[in-house]
């Protein structure tokens, strides 16, 4: 009799473990599906701002530094050098857009998002699945037809639009359960990472003393430079509304790091991460939630003058380390351990 009870209990444990593994795999696919579509959008935004600023009057050396910075912040400098050699604008864009051997390229990210969606097709609404599938089919057609080469800016806008469409369809059709929360977690963790990288590369790579005096020519260049960065994160109109002032680098940094009502800021992204994490976590005191809450609190009570005084690059480097650490904890606690 005792033996029978033990056997049933063991079977129950195995069944529960199997169900948990299945749920973890589903959550993993949803999480990475959303991260990849957000990564494609942010790569398009990063390439777009580089493409736009490269059109401004500047020396070849400064223009090349912009493309080198893009590869550096994406941690792809060595991989690019092995395949292409010297840094050239067209080859960097090809590498970051349509090189399927580069897992961070736009086409690779859209393909990975579609494959993750296909793996959990039964969990998604028809509209969400069809959006991801159509995006993948359309990007393949566009690249084959040479539409990227003929108008890079228009192609980047299309990538951003498809990402917007994906999020809209997801929020508008998915049940508000754990599946949606894991998708939102993936989206905003990826957004926090990419916004930090964008701010870091654009502030760190510029040689003019933006926080000190500058001559008239420098000031004119600065306006177009920072305007391009704000447009890259759909923040130009937001900046004007919030500050009603000329574009100043320190205010751009404040907007993109600390403003909770700026949709692509680090603070807004961490608010979403913490909120969605609390909806899927069983223990409010778990280490993953503690780390997320602490990172959000640092943004909530941070001041831009303190950040600039200690060094913006150092601050953003530490932030990226903490975001990656948070992603690793989320993976260990909720998902199937993987790399992405």
C-alpha atoms as a PDB file:
ATOM      1  CA  UNK A   1       0.000   0.000   0.000  1.00  0.00           C
ATOM      2  CA  UNK A   2       2.793   2.374   0.943  1.00  0.00           C
ATOM      3  CA  UNK A   3       4.645   1.411  -2.222  1.00  0.00           C
ATOM      4  CA  UNK A   4       1.585   2.285  -4.304  1.00  0.00           C
ATOM      5  CA  UNK A   5       1.262   5.696  -2.668  1.00  0.00           C
ATOM      6  CA  UNK A   6       4.931   6.435  -3.311  1.00  0.00           C
ATOM      7  CA  UNK A   7       4.582   5.346  -6.945  1.00  0.00           C
ATOM      8  CA  UNK A   8       1.588   7.628  -7.490  1.00  0.00           C
ATOM      9  CA  UNK A   9       3.349  10.504  -5.783  1.00  0.00           C
ATOM     10  CA  UNK A  10       6.424  10.023  -7.964  1.00  0.00           C
ATOM     11  CA  UNK A  11       4.262   9.956 -11.092  1.00  0.00           C
ATOM     12  CA  UNK A  12       2.557  13.126  -9.961  1.00  0.00           C
ATOM     13  CA  UNK A  13       5.907  14.836  -9.407  1.00  0.00           C
ATOM     14  CA  UNK A  14       7.090  13.752 -12.853  1.00  0.00           C
ATOM     15  CA  UNK A  15       3.875  15.046 -14.431  1.00  0.00           C
ATOM     16  CA  UNK A  16       4.171  18.376 -12.644  1.00  0.00           C
ATOM     17  CA  UNK A  17       7.819  18.649 -13.669  1.00  0.00           C
ATOM     18  CA  UNK A  18       6.839  17.891 -17.264  1.00  0.00           C
ATOM     19  CA  UNK A  19       4.107  20.529 -17.215  1.00  0.00           C
ATOM     20  CA  UNK A  20       6.523  23.074 -15.734  1.00  0.00           C
ATOM     21  CA  UNK A  21       9.094  22.288 -18.421  1.00  0.00           C
ATOM     22  CA  UNK A  22       6.471  22.737 -21.134  1.00  0.00           C
ATOM     23  CA  UNK A  23       5.335  26.054 -19.646  1.00  0.00           C
ATOM     24  CA  UNK A  24       8.953  27.183 -19.336  1.00  0.00           C
ATOM     25  CA  UNK A  25       9.597  26.362 -22.984  1.00  0.00           C
ATOM     26  CA  UNK A  26       6.472  28.241 -24.043  1.00  0.00           C
ATOM     27  CA  UNK A  27       7.452  31.241 -21.929  1.00  0.00           C
ATOM     28  CA  UNK A  28      10.969  31.065 -23.380  1.00  0.00           C
ATOM     29  CA  UNK A  29       9.700  31.176 -26.983  1.00  0.00           C
ATOM     30  CA  UNK A  30       7.346  34.073 -26.216  1.00  0.00           C
ATOM     31  CA  UNK A  31      10.054  35.999 -24.367  1.00  0.00           C
ATOM     32  CA  UNK A  32      12.606  35.619 -27.181  1.00  0.00           C
ATOM     33  CA  UNK A  33      10.069  36.176 -29.943  1.00  0.00           C
ATOM     34  CA  UNK A  34       9.415  39.614 -28.474  1.00  0.00           C
ATOM     35  CA  UNK A  35      13.088  40.318 -27.812  1.00  0.00           C
ATOM     36  CA  UNK A  36      14.024  39.548 -31.401  1.00  0.00           C
ATOM     37  CA  UNK A  37      11.335  41.737 -32.961  1.00  0.00           C
ATOM     38  CA  UNK A  38      12.330  44.583 -30.614  1.00  0.00           C
ATOM     39  CA  UNK A  39      16.003  43.981 -31.439  1.00  0.00           C
ATOM     40  CA  UNK A  40      15.260  44.236 -35.159  1.00  0.00           C
ATOM     41  CA  UNK A  41      13.488  47.537 -34.586  1.00  0.00           C
ATOM     42  CA  UNK A  42      16.277  48.944 -32.456  1.00  0.00           C
ATOM     43  CA  UNK A  43      18.925  47.838 -34.938  1.00  0.00           C
ATOM     44  CA  UNK A  44      16.946  49.667 -37.621  1.00  0.00           C
ATOM     45  CA  UNK A  45      16.815  52.754 -35.399  1.00  0.00           C
ATOM     46  CA  UNK A  46      20.557  52.629 -34.710  1.00  0.00           C
ATOM     47  CA  UNK A  47      21.396  52.190 -38.390  1.00  0.00           C
ATOM     48  CA  UNK A  48      18.961  54.919 -39.355  1.00  0.00           C
ATOM     49  CA  UNK A  49      20.500  57.528 -37.049  1.00  0.00           C
ATOM     50  CA  UNK A  50      23.969  56.608 -38.319  1.00  0.00           C
ATOM     51  CA  UNK A  51      22.772  56.813 -41.908  1.00  0.00           C
ATOM     52  CA  UNK A  52      21.137  60.211 -41.290  1.00  0.00           C
ATOM     53  CA  UNK A  53      24.101  61.718 -39.423  1.00  0.00           C
ATOM     54  CA  UNK A  54      26.485  60.429 -42.114  1.00  0.00           C
ATOM     55  CA  UNK A  55      24.702  62.755 -44.536  1.00  0.00           C
ATOM     56  CA  UNK A  56      25.741  65.800 -42.477  1.00  0.00           C
ATOM     57  CA  UNK A  57      28.865  67.756 -43.473  1.00  0.00           C
ATOM     58  CA  UNK A  58      31.767  65.992 -41.731  1.00  0.00           C
ATOM     59  CA  UNK A  59      35.165  64.505 -42.431  1.00  0.00           C
ATOM     60  CA  UNK A  60      35.567  60.933 -43.635  1.00  0.00           C
ATOM     61  CA  UNK A  61      37.341  60.077 -40.374  1.00  0.00           C
ATOM     62  CA  UNK A  62      34.413  61.268 -38.246  1.00  0.00           C
ATOM     63  CA  UNK A  63      31.928  59.430 -40.454  1.00  0.00           C
ATOM     64  CA  UNK A  64      33.938  56.219 -40.204  1.00  0.00           C
ATOM     65  CA  UNK A  65      34.104  56.533 -36.422  1.00  0.00           C
ATOM     66  CA  UNK A  66      30.324  56.558 -36.376  1.00  0.00           C
ATOM     67  CA  UNK A  67      30.169  53.204 -38.160  1.00  0.00           C
ATOM     68  CA  UNK A  68      32.947  51.786 -36.004  1.00  0.00           C
ATOM     69  CA  UNK A  69      31.034  52.884 -32.923  1.00  0.00           C
ATOM     70  CA  UNK A  70      27.923  51.122 -34.160  1.00  0.00           C
ATOM     71  CA  UNK A  71      29.812  47.847 -34.528  1.00  0.00           C
ATOM     72  CA  UNK A  72      31.471  48.341 -31.153  1.00  0.00           C
ATOM     73  CA  UNK A  73      28.280  48.961 -29.211  1.00  0.00           C
ATOM     74  CA  UNK A  74      26.703  45.928 -30.906  1.00  0.00           C
ATOM     75  CA  UNK A  75      29.778  43.866 -29.936  1.00  0.00           C
ATOM     76  CA  UNK A  76      30.325  42.887 -33.560  1.00  0.00           C
ATOM     77  CA  UNK A  77      33.638  44.589 -34.353  1.00  0.00           C
ATOM     78  CA  UNK A  78      35.687  41.384 -34.514  1.00  0.00           C
ATOM     79  CA  UNK A  79      33.048  39.413 -36.433  1.00  0.00           C
ATOM     80  CA  UNK A  80      32.709  42.198 -38.997  1.00  0.00           C
ATOM     81  CA  UNK A  81      36.488  42.533 -39.412  1.00  0.00           C
ATOM     82  CA  UNK A  82      36.855  38.798 -40.054  1.00  0.00           C
ATOM     83  CA  UNK A  83      34.289  38.893 -42.872  1.00  0.00           C
ATOM     84  CA  UNK A  84      34.640  42.331 -44.409  1.00  0.00           C
ATOM     85  CA  UNK A  85      37.930  43.874 -43.297  1.00  0.00           C
ATOM     86  CA  UNK A  86      37.928  47.685 -43.417  1.00  0.00           C
ATOM     87  CA  UNK A  87      34.923  49.578 -42.063  1.00  0.00           C
ATOM     88  CA  UNK A  88      32.819  50.916 -44.938  1.00  0.00           C
ATOM     89  CA  UNK A  89      29.328  52.372 -44.536  1.00  0.00           C
ATOM     90  CA  UNK A  90      27.669  50.200 -47.192  1.00  0.00           C
ATOM     91  CA  UNK A  91      29.266  46.992 -45.936  1.00  0.00           C
ATOM     92  CA  UNK A  92      28.379  47.745 -42.313  1.00  0.00           C
ATOM     93  CA  UNK A  93      24.756  48.276 -43.331  1.00  0.00           C
ATOM     94  CA  UNK A  94      24.743  45.066 -45.374  1.00  0.00           C
ATOM     95  CA  UNK A  95      26.244  43.201 -42.416  1.00  0.00           C
ATOM     96  CA  UNK A  96      23.684  44.619 -39.981  1.00  0.00           C
ATOM     97  CA  UNK A  97      20.670  44.282 -42.283  1.00  0.00           C
ATOM     98  CA  UNK A  98      20.840  41.249 -44.562  1.00  0.00           C
ATOM     99  CA  UNK A  99      23.789  39.069 -43.524  1.00  0.00           C
ATOM    100  CA  UNK A 100      22.084  35.905 -42.260  1.00  0.00           C
ATOM    101  CA  UNK A 101      25.373  34.650 -40.796  1.00  0.00           C
ATOM    102  CA  UNK A 102      25.185  37.591 -38.370  1.00  0.00           C
ATOM    103  CA  UNK A 103      22.662  36.561 -35.666  1.00  0.00           C
ATOM    104  CA  UNK A 104      22.096  40.226 -34.780  1.00  0.00           C
ATOM    105  CA  UNK A 105      21.240  41.378 -38.307  1.00  0.00           C
ATOM    106  CA  UNK A 106      17.711  42.567 -38.996  1.00  0.00           C
ATOM    107  CA  UNK A 107      16.903  39.629 -41.263  1.00  0.00           C
ATOM    108  CA  UNK A 108      18.259  37.150 -38.676  1.00  0.00           C
ATOM    109  CA  UNK A 109      16.239  38.760 -35.877  1.00  0.00           C
ATOM    110  CA  UNK A 110      13.016  38.753 -37.896  1.00  0.00           C
ATOM    111  CA  UNK A 111      13.643  35.133 -38.851  1.00  0.00           C
ATOM    112  CA  UNK A 112      14.287  34.154 -35.223  1.00  0.00           C
ATOM    113  CA  UNK A 113      11.145  35.991 -34.089  1.00  0.00           C
ATOM    114  CA  UNK A 114       9.116  34.093 -36.681  1.00  0.00           C
ATOM    115  CA  UNK A 115      10.600  30.721 -35.681  1.00  0.00           C
ATOM    116  CA  UNK A 116       9.862  31.341 -32.007  1.00  0.00           C
ATOM    117  CA  UNK A 117       6.311  32.359 -32.943  1.00  0.00           C
ATOM    118  CA  UNK A 118       5.885  29.190 -35.009  1.00  0.00           C
ATOM    119  CA  UNK A 119       7.013  27.056 -32.063  1.00  0.00           C
ATOM    120  CA  UNK A 120       4.152  28.422 -29.909  1.00  0.00           C
ATOM    121  CA  UNK A 121       1.636  29.078 -32.643  1.00  0.00           C
ATOM    122  CA  UNK A 122      -1.152  27.518 -30.556  1.00  0.00           C
ATOM    123  CA  UNK A 123      -0.539  30.051 -27.768  1.00  0.00           C
ATOM    124  CA  UNK A 124      -0.734  33.055 -30.097  1.00  0.00           C
ATOM    125  CA  UNK A 125      -3.822  34.554 -31.675  1.00  0.00           C
ATOM    126  CA  UNK A 126      -4.138  34.143 -35.431  1.00  0.00           C
ATOM    127  CA  UNK A 127      -3.449  37.856 -35.883  1.00  0.00           C
ATOM    128  CA  UNK A 128      -0.169  37.750 -33.959  1.00  0.00           C
ATOM    129  CA  UNK A 129       1.096  34.692 -35.841  1.00  0.00           C
ATOM    130  CA  UNK A 130       0.125  36.100 -39.240  1.00  0.00           C
ATOM    131  CA  UNK A 131       1.842  39.414 -38.439  1.00  0.00           C
ATOM    132  CA  UNK A 132       5.153  37.691 -37.661  1.00  0.00           C
ATOM    133  CA  UNK A 133       4.879  35.339 -40.614  1.00  0.00           C
ATOM    134  CA  UNK A 134       3.999  38.119 -43.045  1.00  0.00           C
ATOM    135  CA  UNK A 135       6.882  40.268 -41.762  1.00  0.00           C
ATOM    136  CA  UNK A 136       9.328  37.449 -42.472  1.00  0.00           C
ATOM    137  CA  UNK A 137       7.959  36.760 -45.946  1.00  0.00           C
ATOM    138  CA  UNK A 138       7.913  40.448 -46.817  1.00  0.00           C
ATOM    139  CA  UNK A 139      11.458  41.203 -45.638  1.00  0.00           C
ATOM    140  CA  UNK A 140      12.767  38.328 -47.754  1.00  0.00           C
ATOM    141  CA  UNK A 141      10.929  39.703 -50.779  1.00  0.00           C
ATOM    142  CA  UNK A 142      12.158  43.266 -50.181  1.00  0.00           C
ATOM    143  CA  UNK A 143      15.788  42.243 -49.821  1.00  0.00           C
ATOM    144  CA  UNK A 144      15.628  40.065 -52.927  1.00  0.00           C
ATOM    145  CA  UNK A 145      14.106  42.963 -54.871  1.00  0.00           C
ATOM    146  CA  UNK A 146      16.882  45.334 -53.761  1.00  0.00           C
ATOM    147  CA  UNK A 147      14.512  47.714 -51.957  1.00  0.00           C
ATOM    148  CA  UNK A 148      16.946  48.167 -49.068  1.00  0.00           C
ATOM    149  CA  UNK A 149      19.754  49.344 -51.359  1.00  0.00           C
ATOM    150  CA  UNK A 150      17.490  51.708 -53.275  1.00  0.00           C
ATOM    151  CA  UNK A 151      16.159  53.475 -50.157  1.00  0.00           C
ATOM    152  CA  UNK A 152      17.732  52.488 -46.808  1.00  0.00           C
ATOM    153  CA  UNK A 153      15.754  55.096 -44.827  1.00  0.00           C
ATOM    154  CA  UNK A 154      12.433  53.767 -46.134  1.00  0.00           C
ATOM    155  CA  UNK A 155      13.470  50.198 -45.332  1.00  0.00           C
ATOM    156  CA  UNK A 156      14.338  51.166 -41.743  1.00  0.00           C
ATOM    157  CA  UNK A 157      10.940  52.858 -41.399  1.00  0.00           C
ATOM    158  CA  UNK A 158       9.269  49.657 -42.614  1.00  0.00           C
ATOM    159  CA  UNK A 159      11.094  47.571 -39.986  1.00  0.00           C
ATOM    160  CA  UNK A 160       9.983  49.990 -37.263  1.00  0.00           C
ATOM    161  CA  UNK A 161       6.400  49.918 -38.544  1.00  0.00           C
ATOM    162  CA  UNK A 162       6.276  46.102 -38.509  1.00  0.00           C
ATOM    163  CA  UNK A 163       7.526  46.107 -34.919  1.00  0.00           C
ATOM    164  CA  UNK A 164       4.850  48.646 -33.968  1.00  0.00           C
ATOM    165  CA  UNK A 165       2.263  46.491 -35.705  1.00  0.00           C
ATOM    166  CA  UNK A 166       3.422  43.393 -33.853  1.00  0.00           C
ATOM    167  CA  UNK A 167       3.116  45.094 -30.459  1.00  0.00           C
ATOM    168  CA  UNK A 168      -0.259  46.591 -31.315  1.00  0.00           C
ATOM    169  CA  UNK A 169      -1.712  43.292 -32.481  1.00  0.00           C
ATOM    170  CA  UNK A 170      -0.280  41.545 -29.424  1.00  0.00           C
ATOM    171  CA  UNK A 171      -1.808  43.973 -26.932  1.00  0.00           C
ATOM    172  CA  UNK A 172      -5.045  44.199 -28.903  1.00  0.00           C
ATOM    173  CA  UNK A 173      -5.747  40.476 -29.341  1.00  0.00           C
ATOM    174  CA  UNK A 174      -3.869  38.418 -26.727  1.00  0.00           C
ATOM    175  CA  UNK A 175      -5.464  37.332 -23.467  1.00  0.00           C
ATOM    176  CA  UNK A 176      -3.992  39.310 -20.557  1.00  0.00           C
ATOM    177  CA  UNK A 177      -2.373  36.280 -18.959  1.00  0.00           C
ATOM    178  CA  UNK A 178       1.177  35.084 -18.327  1.00  0.00           C
ATOM    179  CA  UNK A 179       1.850  34.606 -22.047  1.00  0.00           C
ATOM    180  CA  UNK A 180       1.344  38.323 -22.640  1.00  0.00           C
ATOM    181  CA  UNK A 181       3.417  39.224 -19.575  1.00  0.00           C
ATOM    182  CA  UNK A 182       6.407  37.207 -20.797  1.00  0.00           C
ATOM    183  CA  UNK A 183       6.133  38.851 -24.207  1.00  0.00           C
ATOM    184  CA  UNK A 184       6.117  42.282 -22.590  1.00  0.00           C
ATOM    185  CA  UNK A 185       9.072  41.304 -20.400  1.00  0.00           C
ATOM    186  CA  UNK A 186      11.083  40.400 -23.483  1.00  0.00           C
ATOM    187  CA  UNK A 187      10.137  43.600 -25.289  1.00  0.00           C
ATOM    188  CA  UNK A 188      11.088  46.022 -22.546  1.00  0.00           C
ATOM    189  CA  UNK A 189      14.207  44.259 -21.339  1.00  0.00           C
ATOM    190  CA  UNK A 190      15.493  44.390 -24.908  1.00  0.00           C
ATOM    191  CA  UNK A 191      14.437  48.023 -25.255  1.00  0.00           C
ATOM    192  CA  UNK A 192      16.294  49.034 -22.102  1.00  0.00           C
ATOM    193  CA  UNK A 193      19.437  47.324 -23.395  1.00  0.00           C
ATOM    194  CA  UNK A 194      19.254  48.918 -26.827  1.00  0.00           C
ATOM    195  CA  UNK A 195      18.389  52.446 -25.678  1.00  0.00           C
ATOM    196  CA  UNK A 196      21.374  52.362 -23.320  1.00  0.00           C
ATOM    197  CA  UNK A 197      23.609  51.245 -26.190  1.00  0.00           C
ATOM    198  CA  UNK A 198      22.300  53.989 -28.474  1.00  0.00           C
ATOM    199  CA  UNK A 199      22.842  56.739 -25.897  1.00  0.00           C
ATOM    200  CA  UNK A 200      26.279  55.406 -25.018  1.00  0.00           C
ATOM    201  CA  UNK A 201      27.626  55.153 -28.547  1.00  0.00           C
ATOM    202  CA  UNK A 202      26.326  58.546 -29.616  1.00  0.00           C
ATOM    203  CA  UNK A 203      27.556  60.419 -26.545  1.00  0.00           C
ATOM    204  CA  UNK A 204      30.829  58.539 -26.238  1.00  0.00           C
ATOM    205  CA  UNK A 205      31.854  58.747 -29.897  1.00  0.00           C
ATOM    206  CA  UNK A 206      31.443  62.497 -30.391  1.00  0.00           C
ATOM    207  CA  UNK A 207      34.609  64.533 -29.924  1.00  0.00           C
ATOM    208  CA  UNK A 208      33.173  68.035 -29.540  1.00  0.00           C
ATOM    209  CA  UNK A 209      32.880  69.287 -25.985  1.00  0.00           C
ATOM    210  CA  UNK A 210      29.102  69.179 -25.893  1.00  0.00           C
ATOM    211  CA  UNK A 211      28.935  70.030 -22.230  1.00  0.00           C
ATOM    212  CA  UNK A 212      31.212  73.040 -22.519  1.00  0.00           C
ATOM    213  CA  UNK A 213      31.665  75.892 -24.935  1.00  0.00           C
ATOM    214  CA  UNK A 214      31.510  75.380 -28.691  1.00  0.00           C
ATOM    215  CA  UNK A 215      31.917  77.667 -31.650  1.00  0.00           C
ATOM    216  CA  UNK A 216      29.058  78.532 -33.967  1.00  0.00           C
ATOM    217  CA  UNK A 217      29.895  75.803 -36.470  1.00  0.00           C
ATOM    218  CA  UNK A 218      30.039  73.191 -33.711  1.00  0.00           C
ATOM    219  CA  UNK A 219      26.712  74.383 -32.323  1.00  0.00           C
ATOM    220  CA  UNK A 220      25.078  74.055 -35.744  1.00  0.00           C
ATOM    221  CA  UNK A 221      26.449  70.528 -36.128  1.00  0.00           C
ATOM    222  CA  UNK A 222      25.358  69.697 -32.586  1.00  0.00           C
ATOM    223  CA  UNK A 223      21.766  70.647 -33.342  1.00  0.00           C
ATOM    224  CA  UNK A 224      21.537  68.257 -36.298  1.00  0.00           C
ATOM    225  CA  UNK A 225      23.448  65.545 -34.443  1.00  0.00           C
ATOM    226  CA  UNK A 226      21.195  65.544 -31.377  1.00  0.00           C
ATOM    227  CA  UNK A 227      18.061  66.053 -33.474  1.00  0.00           C
ATOM    228  CA  UNK A 228      18.924  62.896 -35.400  1.00  0.00           C
ATOM    229  CA  UNK A 229      19.386  60.963 -32.161  1.00  0.00           C
ATOM    230  CA  UNK A 230      16.032  62.163 -30.821  1.00  0.00           C
ATOM    231  CA  UNK A 231      14.291  61.245 -34.071  1.00  0.00           C
ATOM    232  CA  UNK A 232      15.946  57.829 -33.886  1.00  0.00           C
ATOM    233  CA  UNK A 233      13.979  57.105 -30.703  1.00  0.00           C
ATOM    234  CA  UNK A 234      10.869  59.018 -31.823  1.00  0.00           C
ATOM    235  CA  UNK A 235      11.737  61.634 -29.227  1.00  0.00           C
ATOM    236  CA  UNK A 236      12.107  64.912 -31.135  1.00  0.00           C
ATOM    237  CA  UNK A 237       8.542  66.133 -30.575  1.00  0.00           C
ATOM    238  CA  UNK A 238       8.590  64.736 -27.028  1.00  0.00           C
ATOM    239  CA  UNK A 239      11.740  66.727 -26.251  1.00  0.00           C
ATOM    240  CA  UNK A 240      10.151  69.941 -27.506  1.00  0.00           C
ATOM    241  CA  UNK A 241       7.039  69.322 -25.436  1.00  0.00           C
ATOM    242  CA  UNK A 242       8.895  68.436 -22.232  1.00  0.00           C
ATOM    243  CA  UNK A 243      11.701  71.003 -22.269  1.00  0.00           C
ATOM    244  CA  UNK A 244      10.543  73.802 -24.611  1.00  0.00           C
ATOM    245  CA  UNK A 245      14.225  74.651 -25.056  1.00  0.00           C
ATOM    246  CA  UNK A 246      17.009  74.357 -27.594  1.00  0.00           C
ATOM    247  CA  UNK A 247      18.419  70.847 -27.829  1.00  0.00           C
ATOM    248  CA  UNK A 248      21.047  70.340 -25.123  1.00  0.00           C
ATOM    249  CA  UNK A 249      23.008  67.087 -24.724  1.00  0.00           C
ATOM    250  CA  UNK A 250      22.422  66.878 -20.976  1.00  0.00           C
ATOM    251  CA  UNK A 251      18.658  67.203 -21.489  1.00  0.00           C
ATOM    252  CA  UNK A 252      18.720  64.579 -24.256  1.00  0.00           C
ATOM    253  CA  UNK A 253      20.472  62.249 -21.818  1.00  0.00           C
ATOM    254  CA  UNK A 254      17.939  63.010 -19.082  1.00  0.00           C
ATOM    255  CA  UNK A 255      15.027  62.355 -21.426  1.00  0.00           C
ATOM    256  CA  UNK A 256      16.366  59.017 -22.646  1.00  0.00           C
ATOM    257  CA  UNK A 257      17.554  57.781 -19.264  1.00  0.00           C
ATOM    258  CA  UNK A 258      15.392  59.168 -16.459  1.00  0.00           C
ATOM    259  CA  UNK A 259      12.049  60.369 -17.840  1.00  0.00           C
ATOM    260  CA  UNK A 260       9.424  57.767 -16.924  1.00  0.00           C
ATOM    261  CA  UNK A 261       6.888  59.191 -19.398  1.00  0.00           C
ATOM    262  CA  UNK A 262       9.242  58.884 -22.392  1.00  0.00           C
ATOM    263  CA  UNK A 263       8.268  55.493 -23.939  1.00  0.00           C
ATOM    264  CA  UNK A 264      11.781  54.434 -24.949  1.00  0.00           C
ATOM    265  CA  UNK A 265      13.644  55.709 -21.888  1.00  0.00           C
ATOM    266  CA  UNK A 266      15.508  53.412 -19.533  1.00  0.00           C
ATOM    267  CA  UNK A 267      13.163  54.373 -16.689  1.00  0.00           C
ATOM    268  CA  UNK A 268       9.994  53.641 -18.678  1.00  0.00           C
ATOM    269  CA  UNK A 269      11.417  50.318 -19.859  1.00  0.00           C
ATOM    270  CA  UNK A 270      12.325  49.223 -16.315  1.00  0.00           C
ATOM    271  CA  UNK A 271       8.873  50.224 -15.076  1.00  0.00           C
ATOM    272  CA  UNK A 272       7.384  47.763 -17.569  1.00  0.00           C
ATOM    273  CA  UNK A 273       9.902  45.048 -16.679  1.00  0.00           C
ATOM    274  CA  UNK A 274       9.147  45.347 -12.950  1.00  0.00           C
ATOM    275  CA  UNK A 275       5.374  45.470 -13.483  1.00  0.00           C
ATOM    276  CA  UNK A 276       5.264  42.421 -15.744  1.00  0.00           C
ATOM    277  CA  UNK A 277       7.732  40.528 -13.583  1.00  0.00           C
ATOM    278  CA  UNK A 278       5.458  41.002 -10.578  1.00  0.00           C
ATOM    279  CA  UNK A 279       2.583  39.451 -12.552  1.00  0.00           C
ATOM    280  CA  UNK A 280       4.452  36.200 -13.298  1.00  0.00           C
ATOM    281  CA  UNK A 281       6.537  35.812 -10.122  1.00  0.00           C
ATOM    282  CA  UNK A 282       5.180  33.656  -7.289  1.00  0.00           C
ATOM    283  CA  UNK A 283       7.505  35.146  -4.659  1.00  0.00           C
ATOM    284  CA  UNK A 284       7.581  38.969  -4.412  1.00  0.00           C
ATOM    285  CA  UNK A 285      10.838  38.726  -2.468  1.00  0.00           C
ATOM    286  CA  UNK A 286      12.627  36.609  -5.080  1.00  0.00           C
ATOM    287  CA  UNK A 287      16.127  37.677  -6.113  1.00  0.00           C
ATOM    288  CA  UNK A 288      15.059  38.427  -9.692  1.00  0.00           C
ATOM    289  CA  UNK A 289      12.421  40.903  -8.533  1.00  0.00           C
ATOM    290  CA  UNK A 290      14.816  42.437  -6.008  1.00  0.00           C
ATOM    291  CA  UNK A 291      17.382  43.162  -8.701  1.00  0.00           C
ATOM    292  CA  UNK A 292      14.781  44.548 -11.093  1.00  0.00           C
ATOM    293  CA  UNK A 293      13.306  46.747  -8.374  1.00  0.00           C
ATOM    294  CA  UNK A 294      16.695  48.061  -7.320  1.00  0.00           C
ATOM    295  CA  UNK A 295      17.635  48.932 -10.903  1.00  0.00           C
ATOM    296  CA  UNK A 296      14.297  50.696 -11.385  1.00  0.00           C
ATOM    297  CA  UNK A 297      14.721  52.578  -8.082  1.00  0.00           C
ATOM    298  CA  UNK A 298      18.129  53.885  -9.187  1.00  0.00           C
ATOM    299  CA  UNK A 299      16.460  55.360 -12.269  1.00  0.00           C
ATOM    300  CA  UNK A 300      13.450  56.628 -10.342  1.00  0.00           C
ATOM    301  CA  UNK A 301      15.557  58.600  -7.868  1.00  0.00           C
ATOM    302  CA  UNK A 302      18.532  59.364 -10.104  1.00  0.00           C
ATOM    303  CA  UNK A 303      19.562  62.848 -11.244  1.00  0.00           C
ATOM    304  CA  UNK A 304      21.206  63.624 -14.541  1.00  0.00           C
ATOM    305  CA  UNK A 305      23.787  65.999 -12.990  1.00  0.00           C
ATOM    306  CA  UNK A 306      24.969  63.207 -10.675  1.00  0.00           C
ATOM    307  CA  UNK A 307      25.161  60.752 -13.582  1.00  0.00           C
ATOM    308  CA  UNK A 308      27.179  63.176 -15.715  1.00  0.00           C
ATOM    309  CA  UNK A 309      29.462  64.014 -12.803  1.00  0.00           C
ATOM    310  CA  UNK A 310      30.394  60.347 -12.320  1.00  0.00           C
ATOM    311  CA  UNK A 311      30.662  59.705 -16.081  1.00  0.00           C
ATOM    312  CA  UNK A 312      27.894  58.852 -18.529  1.00  0.00           C
ATOM    313  CA  UNK A 313      29.836  56.087 -20.269  1.00  0.00           C
ATOM    314  CA  UNK A 314      30.676  54.374 -16.984  1.00  0.00           C
ATOM    315  CA  UNK A 315      27.067  54.685 -15.837  1.00  0.00           C
ATOM    316  CA  UNK A 316      25.656  53.162 -19.029  1.00  0.00           C
ATOM    317  CA  UNK A 317      28.246  50.385 -19.071  1.00  0.00           C
ATOM    318  CA  UNK A 318      27.227  49.426 -15.539  1.00  0.00           C
ATOM    319  CA  UNK A 319      23.551  49.668 -16.502  1.00  0.00           C
ATOM    320  CA  UNK A 320      24.065  47.279 -19.413  1.00  0.00           C
ATOM    321  CA  UNK A 321      25.854  44.814 -17.133  1.00  0.00           C
ATOM    322  CA  UNK A 322      22.937  44.935 -14.701  1.00  0.00           C
ATOM    323  CA  UNK A 323      20.354  44.474 -17.461  1.00  0.00           C
ATOM    324  CA  UNK A 324      22.240  41.437 -18.779  1.00  0.00           C
ATOM    325  CA  UNK A 325      22.439  40.070 -15.238  1.00  0.00           C
ATOM    326  CA  UNK A 326      18.696  40.601 -14.817  1.00  0.00           C
ATOM    327  CA  UNK A 327      18.022  38.782 -18.079  1.00  0.00           C
ATOM    328  CA  UNK A 328      20.125  35.845 -16.851  1.00  0.00           C
ATOM    329  CA  UNK A 329      18.117  35.683 -13.615  1.00  0.00           C
ATOM    330  CA  UNK A 330      14.818  35.768 -15.518  1.00  0.00           C
ATOM    331  CA  UNK A 331      16.083  32.944 -17.725  1.00  0.00           C
ATOM    332  CA  UNK A 332      17.129  30.807 -14.757  1.00  0.00           C
ATOM    333  CA  UNK A 333      13.938  31.386 -12.782  1.00  0.00           C
ATOM    334  CA  UNK A 334      11.288  31.222 -15.494  1.00  0.00           C
ATOM    335  CA  UNK A 335      12.674  30.102 -18.844  1.00  0.00           C
ATOM    336  CA  UNK A 336      14.703  27.423 -20.598  1.00  0.00           C
ATOM    337  CA  UNK A 337      18.349  28.558 -20.221  1.00  0.00           C
ATOM    338  CA  UNK A 338      19.488  29.846 -23.594  1.00  0.00           C
ATOM    339  CA  UNK A 339      21.622  32.444 -25.304  1.00  0.00           C
ATOM    340  CA  UNK A 340      20.209  35.197 -27.490  1.00  0.00           C
END
